[in-house]
Amino acid sequence: MNERDGFEERLRQARTHQGLDKPPEKGGALPQSPWGYGLRAGVEVVSALVVGIVIGLLLDRWLGTWPWLFLVFFVLGSVSGVLNVYRLFNPRSRSRTQ
């Protein structure tokens, strides 16, 4: 590696650190195929729903308020999953984060 290659690498790192360039994509950063998008969307919805249900069940069991907190957290988990999928497919939100 000569001196010019070292300079180019340091310049690229500095530009990335300052936010002038996008960092190099690592594997799995964003799904590239339709199957990847579909799988990620499904995982987002299911995981948010499961977390909401578990929190609701645990709080209901602890506070003895069955089924009210379960229903509240079921709805919150559903909304959270749908919002995650919306953010995945909304190009404006993706361009802000990159």
PDB file of N, CA and C in Angstrom:
ATOM      1  N   MET A   1       0.853  -1.170   0.000  1.00  0.00           N
ATOM      2  CA  MET A   1       0.000   0.000   0.000  1.00  0.00           C
ATOM      3  C   MET A   1       0.900   1.234   0.000  1.00  0.00           C
ATOM      4  N   ASN A   2       0.699   2.093  -0.977  1.00  0.00           N
ATOM      5  CA  ASN A   2       1.533   3.287  -1.039  1.00  0.00           C
ATOM      6  C   ASN A   2       0.904   4.426  -0.242  1.00  0.00           C
ATOM      7  N   GLU A   3       1.578   5.566  -0.230  1.00  0.00           N
ATOM      8  CA  GLU A   3       1.140   6.704   0.564  1.00  0.00           C
ATOM      9  C   GLU A   3      -0.200   7.253   0.083  1.00  0.00           C
ATOM     10  N   ARG A   4      -0.426   7.245  -1.224  1.00  0.00           N
ATOM     11  CA  ARG A   4      -1.677   7.769  -1.776  1.00  0.00           C
ATOM     12  C   ARG A   4      -2.872   6.921  -1.342  1.00  0.00           C
ATOM     13  N   ASP A   5      -2.723   5.582  -1.328  1.00  0.00           N
ATOM     14  CA  ASP A   5      -3.804   4.707  -0.896  1.00  0.00           C
ATOM     15  C   ASP A   5      -4.151   4.970   0.567  1.00  0.00           C
ATOM     16  N   GLY A   6      -3.146   5.187   1.405  1.00  0.00           N
ATOM     17  CA  GLY A   6      -3.387   5.486   2.814  1.00  0.00           C
ATOM     18  C   GLY A   6      -4.145   6.790   2.987  1.00  0.00           C
ATOM     19  N   PHE A   7      -3.781   7.792   2.179  1.00  0.00           N
ATOM     20  CA  PHE A   7      -4.475   9.079   2.232  1.00  0.00           C
ATOM     21  C   PHE A   7      -5.929   8.928   1.808  1.00  0.00           C
ATOM     22  N   GLU A   8      -6.171   8.190   0.722  1.00  0.00           N
ATOM     23  CA  GLU A   8      -7.538   7.980   0.233  1.00  0.00           C
ATOM     24  C   GLU A   8      -8.392   7.290   1.301  1.00  0.00           C
ATOM     25  N   GLU A   9      -7.829   6.304   1.971  1.00  0.00           N
ATOM     26  CA  GLU A   9      -8.566   5.589   3.021  1.00  0.00           C
ATOM     27  C   GLU A   9      -8.887   6.519   4.182  1.00  0.00           C
ATOM     28  N   ARG A  10      -7.916   7.315   4.620  1.00  0.00           N
ATOM     29  CA  ARG A  10      -8.146   8.254   5.727  1.00  0.00           C
ATOM     30  C   ARG A  10      -9.173   9.310   5.325  1.00  0.00           C
ATOM     31  N   LEU A  11      -9.110   9.777   4.072  1.00  0.00           N
ATOM     32  CA  LEU A  11     -10.076  10.761   3.588  1.00  0.00           C
ATOM     33  C   LEU A  11     -11.484  10.173   3.573  1.00  0.00           C
ATOM     34  N   ARG A  12     -11.627   8.944   3.117  1.00  0.00           N
ATOM     35  CA  ARG A  12     -12.940   8.283   3.099  1.00  0.00           C
ATOM     36  C   ARG A  12     -13.493   8.132   4.509  1.00  0.00           C
ATOM     37  N   GLN A  13     -12.637   7.727   5.456  1.00  0.00           N
ATOM     38  CA  GLN A  13     -13.079   7.569   6.843  1.00  0.00           C
ATOM     39  C   GLN A  13     -13.504   8.909   7.439  1.00  0.00           C
ATOM     40  N   ALA A  14     -12.749   9.967   7.152  1.00  0.00           N
ATOM     41  CA  ALA A  14     -13.094  11.286   7.682  1.00  0.00           C
ATOM     42  C   ALA A  14     -14.414  11.784   7.098  1.00  0.00           C
ATOM     43  N   ARG A  15     -14.613  11.588   5.789  1.00  0.00           N
ATOM     44  CA  ARG A  15     -15.872  12.025   5.173  1.00  0.00           C
ATOM     45  C   ARG A  15     -17.059  11.243   5.726  1.00  0.00           C
ATOM     46  N   THR A  16     -16.872   9.967   5.982  1.00  0.00           N
ATOM     47  CA  THR A  16     -17.934   9.157   6.569  1.00  0.00           C
ATOM     48  C   THR A  16     -18.219   9.618   7.990  1.00  0.00           C
ATOM     49  N   HIS A  17     -17.180   9.884   8.755  1.00  0.00           N
ATOM     50  CA  HIS A  17     -17.342  10.324  10.140  1.00  0.00           C
ATOM     51  C   HIS A  17     -18.070  11.662  10.207  1.00  0.00           C
ATOM     52  N   GLN A  18     -17.814  12.569   9.265  1.00  0.00           N
ATOM     53  CA  GLN A  18     -18.457  13.876   9.252  1.00  0.00           C
ATOM     54  C   GLN A  18     -19.864  13.831   8.660  1.00  0.00           C
ATOM     55  N   GLY A  19     -20.277  12.687   8.123  1.00  0.00           N
ATOM     56  CA  GLY A  19     -21.607  12.552   7.552  1.00  0.00           C
ATOM     57  C   GLY A  19     -21.702  13.005   6.107  1.00  0.00           C
ATOM     58  N   LEU A  20     -20.567  13.224   5.452  1.00  0.00           N
ATOM     59  CA  LEU A  20     -20.583  13.651   4.055  1.00  0.00           C
ATOM     60  C   LEU A  20     -20.776  12.481   3.104  1.00  0.00           C
ATOM     61  N   ASP A  21     -20.353  11.315   3.490  1.00  0.00           N
ATOM     62  CA  ASP A  21     -20.529  10.102   2.690  1.00  0.00           C
ATOM     63  C   ASP A  21     -21.276   9.075   3.519  1.00  0.00           C
ATOM     64  N   LYS A  22     -21.993   8.192   2.816  1.00  0.00           N
ATOM     65  CA  LYS A  22     -22.655   7.084   3.501  1.00  0.00           C
ATOM     66  C   LYS A  22     -21.596   6.081   3.935  1.00  0.00           C
ATOM     67  N   PRO A  23     -21.769   5.477   5.125  1.00  0.00           N
ATOM     68  CA  PRO A  23     -20.853   4.409   5.499  1.00  0.00           C
ATOM     69  C   PRO A  23     -21.047   3.221   4.573  1.00  0.00           C
ATOM     70  N   PRO A  24     -20.009   2.424   4.364  1.00  0.00           N
ATOM     71  CA  PRO A  24     -20.171   1.258   3.494  1.00  0.00           C
ATOM     72  C   PRO A  24     -21.212   0.314   4.075  1.00  0.00           C
ATOM     73  N   GLU A  25     -22.046  -0.227   3.194  1.00  0.00           N
ATOM     74  CA  GLU A  25     -23.122  -1.120   3.626  1.00  0.00           C
ATOM     75  C   GLU A  25     -22.558  -2.438   4.111  1.00  0.00           C
ATOM     76  N   LYS A  26     -23.023  -2.847   5.255  1.00  0.00           N
ATOM     77  CA  LYS A  26     -22.665  -4.166   5.770  1.00  0.00           C
ATOM     78  C   LYS A  26     -23.775  -5.119   5.383  1.00  0.00           C
ATOM     79  N   GLY A  27     -23.494  -6.395   5.372  1.00  0.00           N
ATOM     80  CA  GLY A  27     -24.509  -7.374   5.010  1.00  0.00           C
ATOM     81  C   GLY A  27     -25.700  -7.311   5.950  1.00  0.00           C
ATOM     82  N   GLY A  28     -26.890  -7.215   5.401  1.00  0.00           N
ATOM     83  CA  GLY A  28     -28.096  -7.210   6.209  1.00  0.00           C
ATOM     84  C   GLY A  28     -28.542  -5.827   6.640  1.00  0.00           C
ATOM     85  N   ALA A  29     -27.905  -4.758   6.158  1.00  0.00           N
ATOM     86  CA  ALA A  29     -28.302  -3.415   6.565  1.00  0.00           C
ATOM     87  C   ALA A  29     -29.733  -3.128   6.102  1.00  0.00           C
ATOM     88  N   LEU A  30     -30.014  -3.339   4.844  1.00  0.00           N
ATOM     89  CA  LEU A  30     -31.364  -3.234   4.308  1.00  0.00           C
ATOM     90  C   LEU A  30     -31.577  -4.413   3.377  1.00  0.00           C
ATOM     91  N   PRO A  31     -32.744  -4.997   3.431  1.00  0.00           N
ATOM     92  CA  PRO A  31     -32.994  -6.110   2.515  1.00  0.00           C
ATOM     93  C   PRO A  31     -32.992  -5.620   1.070  1.00  0.00           C
ATOM     94  N   GLN A  32     -32.393  -6.386   0.188  1.00  0.00           N
ATOM     95  CA  GLN A  32     -32.257  -5.964  -1.198  1.00  0.00           C
ATOM     96  C   GLN A  32     -33.274  -6.617  -2.127  1.00  0.00           C
ATOM     97  N   SER A  33     -33.820  -7.753  -1.744  1.00  0.00           N
ATOM     98  CA  SER A  33     -34.747  -8.455  -2.626  1.00  0.00           C
ATOM     99  C   SER A  33     -36.168  -8.333  -2.086  1.00  0.00           C
ATOM    100  N   PRO A  34     -37.155  -8.607  -2.929  1.00  0.00           N
ATOM    101  CA  PRO A  34     -38.539  -8.607  -2.434  1.00  0.00           C
ATOM    102  C   PRO A  34     -38.748  -9.603  -1.291  1.00  0.00           C
ATOM    103  N   TRP A  35     -38.066 -10.742  -1.359  1.00  0.00           N
ATOM    104  CA  TRP A  35     -38.187 -11.713  -0.272  1.00  0.00           C
ATOM    105  C   TRP A  35     -37.623 -11.145   1.024  1.00  0.00           C
ATOM    106  N   GLY A  36     -36.536 -10.394   0.918  1.00  0.00           N
ATOM    107  CA  GLY A  36     -35.940  -9.776   2.102  1.00  0.00           C
ATOM    108  C   GLY A  36     -36.873  -8.754   2.728  1.00  0.00           C
ATOM    109  N   TYR A  37     -37.493  -7.925   1.887  1.00  0.00           N
ATOM    110  CA  TYR A  37     -38.445  -6.947   2.404  1.00  0.00           C
ATOM    111  C   TYR A  37     -39.654  -7.635   3.045  1.00  0.00           C
ATOM    112  N   GLY A  38     -40.170  -8.667   2.391  1.00  0.00           N
ATOM    113  CA  GLY A  38     -41.325  -9.375   2.939  1.00  0.00           C
ATOM    114  C   GLY A  38     -41.017 -10.052   4.254  1.00  0.00           C
ATOM    115  N   LEU A  39     -39.867 -10.694   4.330  1.00  0.00           N
ATOM    116  CA  LEU A  39     -39.477 -11.361   5.565  1.00  0.00           C
ATOM    117  C   LEU A  39     -39.293 -10.355   6.689  1.00  0.00           C
ATOM    118  N   ARG A  40     -38.624  -9.242   6.382  1.00  0.00           N
ATOM    119  CA  ARG A  40     -38.414  -8.234   7.421  1.00  0.00           C
ATOM    120  C   ARG A  40     -39.735  -7.626   7.872  1.00  0.00           C
ATOM    121  N   ALA A  41     -40.658  -7.357   6.940  1.00  0.00           N
ATOM    122  CA  ALA A  41     -41.955  -6.797   7.303  1.00  0.00           C
ATOM    123  C   ALA A  41     -42.725  -7.756   8.205  1.00  0.00           C
ATOM    124  N   GLY A  42     -42.696  -9.037   7.869  1.00  0.00           N
ATOM    125  CA  GLY A  42     -43.381 -10.021   8.706  1.00  0.00           C
ATOM    126  C   GLY A  42     -42.781 -10.118  10.092  1.00  0.00           C
ATOM    127  N   VAL A  43     -41.467 -10.116  10.172  1.00  0.00           N
ATOM    128  CA  VAL A  43     -40.800 -10.189  11.473  1.00  0.00           C
ATOM    129  C   VAL A  43     -41.108  -8.947  12.299  1.00  0.00           C
ATOM    130  N   GLU A  44     -41.136  -7.774  11.664  1.00  0.00           N
ATOM    131  CA  GLU A  44     -41.439  -6.532  12.376  1.00  0.00           C
ATOM    132  C   GLU A  44     -42.839  -6.599  13.005  1.00  0.00           C
ATOM    133  N   VAL A  45     -43.823  -7.027  12.234  1.00  0.00           N
ATOM    134  CA  VAL A  45     -45.197  -7.072  12.738  1.00  0.00           C
ATOM    135  C   VAL A  45     -45.337  -8.114  13.845  1.00  0.00           C
ATOM    136  N   VAL A  46     -44.841  -9.309  13.596  1.00  0.00           N
ATOM    137  CA  VAL A  46     -45.001 -10.393  14.569  1.00  0.00           C
ATOM    138  C   VAL A  46     -44.256 -10.086  15.862  1.00  0.00           C
ATOM    139  N   SER A  47     -43.040  -9.577  15.771  1.00  0.00           N
ATOM    140  CA  SER A  47     -42.279  -9.321  16.994  1.00  0.00           C
ATOM    141  C   SER A  47     -42.911  -8.200  17.816  1.00  0.00           C
ATOM    142  N   ALA A  48     -43.385  -7.132  17.177  1.00  0.00           N
ATOM    143  CA  ALA A  48     -44.039  -6.057  17.921  1.00  0.00           C
ATOM    144  C   ALA A  48     -45.320  -6.562  18.578  1.00  0.00           C
ATOM    145  N   LEU A  49     -46.057  -7.398  17.878  1.00  0.00           N
ATOM    146  CA  LEU A  49     -47.297  -7.942  18.430  1.00  0.00           C
ATOM    147  C   LEU A  49     -47.021  -8.870  19.610  1.00  0.00           C
ATOM    148  N   VAL A  50     -46.012  -9.715  19.487  1.00  0.00           N
ATOM    149  CA  VAL A  50     -45.667 -10.635  20.575  1.00  0.00           C
ATOM    150  C   VAL A  50     -45.218  -9.860  21.816  1.00  0.00           C
ATOM    151  N   VAL A  51     -44.402  -8.834  21.627  1.00  0.00           N
ATOM    152  CA  VAL A  51     -43.953  -8.030  22.766  1.00  0.00           C
ATOM    153  C   VAL A  51     -45.138  -7.357  23.439  1.00  0.00           C
ATOM    154  N   GLY A  52     -46.046  -6.789  22.671  1.00  0.00           N
ATOM    155  CA  GLY A  52     -47.233  -6.162  23.243  1.00  0.00           C
ATOM    156  C   GLY A  52     -48.092  -7.148  24.017  1.00  0.00           C
ATOM    157  N   ILE A  53     -48.299  -8.336  23.461  1.00  0.00           N
ATOM    158  CA  ILE A  53     -49.117  -9.351  24.126  1.00  0.00           C
ATOM    159  C   ILE A  53     -48.472  -9.802  25.426  1.00  0.00           C
ATOM    160  N   VAL A  54     -47.165 -10.051  25.400  1.00  0.00           N
ATOM    161  CA  VAL A  54     -46.470 -10.518  26.604  1.00  0.00           C
ATOM    162  C   VAL A  54     -46.520  -9.461  27.701  1.00  0.00           C
ATOM    163  N   ILE A  55     -46.269  -8.209  27.348  1.00  0.00           N
ATOM    164  CA  ILE A  55     -46.326  -7.146  28.354  1.00  0.00           C
ATOM    165  C   ILE A  55     -47.732  -7.037  28.928  1.00  0.00           C
ATOM    166  N   GLY A  56     -48.738  -7.077  28.058  1.00  0.00           N
ATOM    167  CA  GLY A  56     -50.123  -7.005  28.527  1.00  0.00           C
ATOM    168  C   GLY A  56     -50.496  -8.162  29.437  1.00  0.00           C
ATOM    169  N   LEU A  57     -50.106  -9.381  29.074  1.00  0.00           N
ATOM    170  CA  LEU A  57     -50.418 -10.537  29.910  1.00  0.00           C
ATOM    171  C   LEU A  57     -49.725 -10.455  31.264  1.00  0.00           C
ATOM    172  N   LEU A  58     -48.455 -10.071  31.258  1.00  0.00           N
ATOM    173  CA  LEU A  58     -47.727  -9.973  32.525  1.00  0.00           C
ATOM    174  C   LEU A  58     -48.305  -8.893  33.430  1.00  0.00           C
ATOM    175  N   LEU A  59     -48.628  -7.740  32.864  1.00  0.00           N
ATOM    176  CA  LEU A  59     -49.218  -6.680  33.684  1.00  0.00           C
ATOM    177  C   LEU A  59     -50.604  -7.072  34.192  1.00  0.00           C
ATOM    178  N   ASP A  60     -51.405  -7.727  33.354  1.00  0.00           N
ATOM    179  CA  ASP A  60     -52.726  -8.183  33.791  1.00  0.00           C
ATOM    180  C   ASP A  60     -52.617  -9.193  34.918  1.00  0.00           C
ATOM    181  N   ARG A  61     -51.686 -10.097  34.796  1.00  0.00           N
ATOM    182  CA  ARG A  61     -51.502 -11.105  35.847  1.00  0.00           C
ATOM    183  C   ARG A  61     -51.049 -10.454  37.151  1.00  0.00           C
ATOM    184  N   TRP A  62     -50.131  -9.486  37.048  1.00  0.00           N
ATOM    185  CA  TRP A  62     -49.588  -8.828  38.226  1.00  0.00           C
ATOM    186  C   TRP A  62     -50.626  -7.930  38.911  1.00  0.00           C
ATOM    187  N   LEU A  63     -51.408  -7.186  38.092  1.00  0.00           N
ATOM    188  CA  LEU A  63     -52.362  -6.230  38.647  1.00  0.00           C
ATOM    189  C   LEU A  63     -53.783  -6.782  38.757  1.00  0.00           C
ATOM    190  N   GLY A  64     -54.045  -7.954  38.190  1.00  0.00           N
ATOM    191  CA  GLY A  64     -55.374  -8.555  38.259  1.00  0.00           C
ATOM    192  C   GLY A  64     -56.428  -7.778  37.485  1.00  0.00           C
ATOM    193  N   THR A  65     -56.078  -7.274  36.339  1.00  0.00           N
ATOM    194  CA  THR A  65     -57.013  -6.454  35.554  1.00  0.00           C
ATOM    195  C   THR A  65     -57.446  -7.139  34.261  1.00  0.00           C
ATOM    196  N   TRP A  66     -57.382  -8.454  34.213  1.00  0.00           N
ATOM    197  CA  TRP A  66     -57.693  -9.186  32.986  1.00  0.00           C
ATOM    198  C   TRP A  66     -59.011  -8.742  32.417  1.00  0.00           C
ATOM    199  N   PRO A  67     -59.191  -8.491  31.182  1.00  0.00           N
ATOM    200  CA  PRO A  67     -58.349  -8.515  29.989  1.00  0.00           C
ATOM    201  C   PRO A  67     -57.937  -7.130  29.527  1.00  0.00           C
ATOM    202  N   TRP A  68     -58.085  -6.113  30.372  1.00  0.00           N
ATOM    203  CA  TRP A  68     -57.957  -4.736  29.893  1.00  0.00           C
ATOM    204  C   TRP A  68     -56.545  -4.364  29.443  1.00  0.00           C
ATOM    205  N   LEU A  69     -55.545  -4.648  30.242  1.00  0.00           N
ATOM    206  CA  LEU A  69     -54.190  -4.294  29.823  1.00  0.00           C
ATOM    207  C   LEU A  69     -53.725  -5.168  28.656  1.00  0.00           C
ATOM    208  N   PHE A  70     -54.184  -6.405  28.629  1.00  0.00           N
ATOM    209  CA  PHE A  70     -53.886  -7.266  27.481  1.00  0.00           C
ATOM    210  C   PHE A  70     -54.402  -6.628  26.195  1.00  0.00           C
ATOM    211  N   LEU A  71     -55.638  -6.147  26.223  1.00  0.00           N
ATOM    212  CA  LEU A  71     -56.224  -5.533  25.034  1.00  0.00           C
ATOM    213  C   LEU A  71     -55.506  -4.241  24.650  1.00  0.00           C
ATOM    214  N   VAL A  72     -55.146  -3.433  25.636  1.00  0.00           N
ATOM    215  CA  VAL A  72     -54.453  -2.176  25.359  1.00  0.00           C
ATOM    216  C   VAL A  72     -53.095  -2.450  24.710  1.00  0.00           C
ATOM    217  N   PHE A  73     -52.333  -3.376  25.294  1.00  0.00           N
ATOM    218  CA  PHE A  73     -51.007  -3.647  24.744  1.00  0.00           C
ATOM    219  C   PHE A  73     -51.069  -4.451  23.448  1.00  0.00           C
ATOM    220  N   PHE A  74     -52.131  -5.206  23.240  1.00  0.00           N
ATOM    221  CA  PHE A  74     -52.330  -5.865  21.949  1.00  0.00           C
ATOM    222  C   PHE A  74     -52.494  -4.818  20.855  1.00  0.00           C
ATOM    223  N   VAL A  75     -53.301  -3.802  21.121  1.00  0.00           N
ATOM    224  CA  VAL A  75     -53.507  -2.732  20.143  1.00  0.00           C
ATOM    225  C   VAL A  75     -52.215  -1.943  19.945  1.00  0.00           C
ATOM    226  N   LEU A  76     -51.518  -1.620  21.042  1.00  0.00           N
ATOM    227  CA  LEU A  76     -50.260  -0.884  20.913  1.00  0.00           C
ATOM    228  C   LEU A  76     -49.210  -1.682  20.134  1.00  0.00           C
ATOM    229  N   GLY A  77     -49.127  -2.981  20.361  1.00  0.00           N
ATOM    230  CA  GLY A  77     -48.199  -3.817  19.606  1.00  0.00           C
ATOM    231  C   GLY A  77     -48.568  -3.877  18.135  1.00  0.00           C
ATOM    232  N   SER A  78     -49.856  -3.953  17.842  1.00  0.00           N
ATOM    233  CA  SER A  78     -50.301  -3.971  16.444  1.00  0.00           C
ATOM    234  C   SER A  78     -49.951  -2.664  15.743  1.00  0.00           C
ATOM    235  N   VAL A  79     -50.223  -1.552  16.401  1.00  0.00           N
ATOM    236  CA  VAL A  79     -49.914  -0.241  15.816  1.00  0.00           C
ATOM    237  C   VAL A  79     -48.411  -0.100  15.623  1.00  0.00           C
ATOM    238  N   SER A  80     -47.638  -0.546  16.596  1.00  0.00           N
ATOM    239  CA  SER A  80     -46.186  -0.472  16.492  1.00  0.00           C
ATOM    240  C   SER A  80     -45.669  -1.289  15.308  1.00  0.00           C
ATOM    241  N   GLY A  81     -46.196  -2.483  15.118  1.00  0.00           N
ATOM    242  CA  GLY A  81     -45.780  -3.316  13.987  1.00  0.00           C
ATOM    243  C   GLY A  81     -46.120  -2.691  12.651  1.00  0.00           C
ATOM    244  N   VAL A  82     -47.305  -2.107  12.539  1.00  0.00           N
ATOM    245  CA  VAL A  82     -47.708  -1.461  11.288  1.00  0.00           C
ATOM    246  C   VAL A  82     -46.840  -0.230  11.021  1.00  0.00           C
ATOM    247  N   LEU A  83     -46.535   0.551  12.064  1.00  0.00           N
ATOM    248  CA  LEU A  83     -45.663   1.712  11.879  1.00  0.00           C
ATOM    249  C   LEU A  83     -44.256   1.306  11.467  1.00  0.00           C
ATOM    250  N   ASN A  84     -43.750   0.202  12.005  1.00  0.00           N
ATOM    251  CA  ASN A  84     -42.426  -0.283  11.600  1.00  0.00           C
ATOM    252  C   ASN A  84     -42.412  -0.659  10.122  1.00  0.00           C
ATOM    253  N   VAL A  85     -43.456  -1.306   9.656  1.00  0.00           N
ATOM    254  CA  VAL A  85     -43.535  -1.673   8.234  1.00  0.00           C
ATOM    255  C   VAL A  85     -43.692  -0.423   7.375  1.00  0.00           C
ATOM    256  N   TYR A  86     -44.457   0.543   7.850  1.00  0.00           N
ATOM    257  CA  TYR A  86     -44.603   1.805   7.117  1.00  0.00           C
ATOM    258  C   TYR A  86     -43.245   2.487   6.966  1.00  0.00           C
ATOM    259  N   ARG A  87     -42.460   2.523   8.043  1.00  0.00           N
ATOM    260  CA  ARG A  87     -41.128   3.129   7.976  1.00  0.00           C
ATOM    261  C   ARG A  87     -40.210   2.351   7.036  1.00  0.00           C
ATOM    262  N   LEU A  88     -40.382   1.038   6.967  1.00  0.00           N
ATOM    263  CA  LEU A  88     -39.562   0.223   6.073  1.00  0.00           C
ATOM    264  C   LEU A  88     -39.815   0.576   4.614  1.00  0.00           C
ATOM    265  N   PHE A  89     -41.066   0.803   4.263  1.00  0.00           N
ATOM    266  CA  PHE A  89     -41.423   1.041   2.869  1.00  0.00           C
ATOM    267  C   PHE A  89     -41.543   2.513   2.502  1.00  0.00           C
ATOM    268  N   ASN A  90     -41.416   3.429   3.443  1.00  0.00           N
ATOM    269  CA  ASN A  90     -41.512   4.852   3.161  1.00  0.00           C
ATOM    270  C   ASN A  90     -40.143   5.371   2.743  1.00  0.00           C
ATOM    271  N   PRO A  91     -39.976   5.789   1.501  1.00  0.00           N
ATOM    272  CA  PRO A  91     -38.640   6.207   1.044  1.00  0.00           C
ATOM    273  C   PRO A  91     -38.145   7.477   1.731  1.00  0.00           C
ATOM    274  N   ARG A  92     -39.035   8.348   2.167  1.00  0.00           N
ATOM    275  CA  ARG A  92     -38.582   9.583   2.817  1.00  0.00           C
ATOM    276  C   ARG A  92     -37.913   9.295   4.150  1.00  0.00           C
ATOM    277  N   SER A  93     -38.461   8.398   4.952  1.00  0.00           N
ATOM    278  CA  SER A  93     -37.855   8.109   6.249  1.00  0.00           C
ATOM    279  C   SER A  93     -36.525   7.374   6.069  1.00  0.00           C
ATOM    280  N   ARG A  94     -36.396   6.569   5.033  1.00  0.00           N
ATOM    281  CA  ARG A  94     -35.163   5.840   4.789  1.00  0.00           C
ATOM    282  C   ARG A  94     -34.043   6.797   4.363  1.00  0.00           C
ATOM    283  N   SER A  95     -34.374   7.829   3.555  1.00  0.00           N
ATOM    284  CA  SER A  95     -33.345   8.753   3.094  1.00  0.00           C
ATOM    285  C   SER A  95     -32.839   9.635   4.227  1.00  0.00           C
ATOM    286  N   ARG A  96     -33.646   9.896   5.239  1.00  0.00           N
ATOM    287  CA  ARG A  96     -33.207  10.692   6.386  1.00  0.00           C
ATOM    288  C   ARG A  96     -32.229   9.943   7.261  1.00  0.00           C
ATOM    289  N   THR A  97     -32.379   8.632   7.374  1.00  0.00           N
ATOM    290  CA  THR A  97     -31.526   7.859   8.250  1.00  0.00           C
ATOM    291  C   THR A  97     -30.204   7.496   7.596  1.00  0.00           C
ATOM    292  N   GLN A  98     -30.104   7.630   6.306  1.00  0.00           N
ATOM    293  CA  GLN A  98     -28.852   7.259   5.618  1.00  0.00           C
ATOM    294  C   GLN A  98     -28.011   8.466   5.349  1.00  0.00           C
TER     295      GLN A  98
END
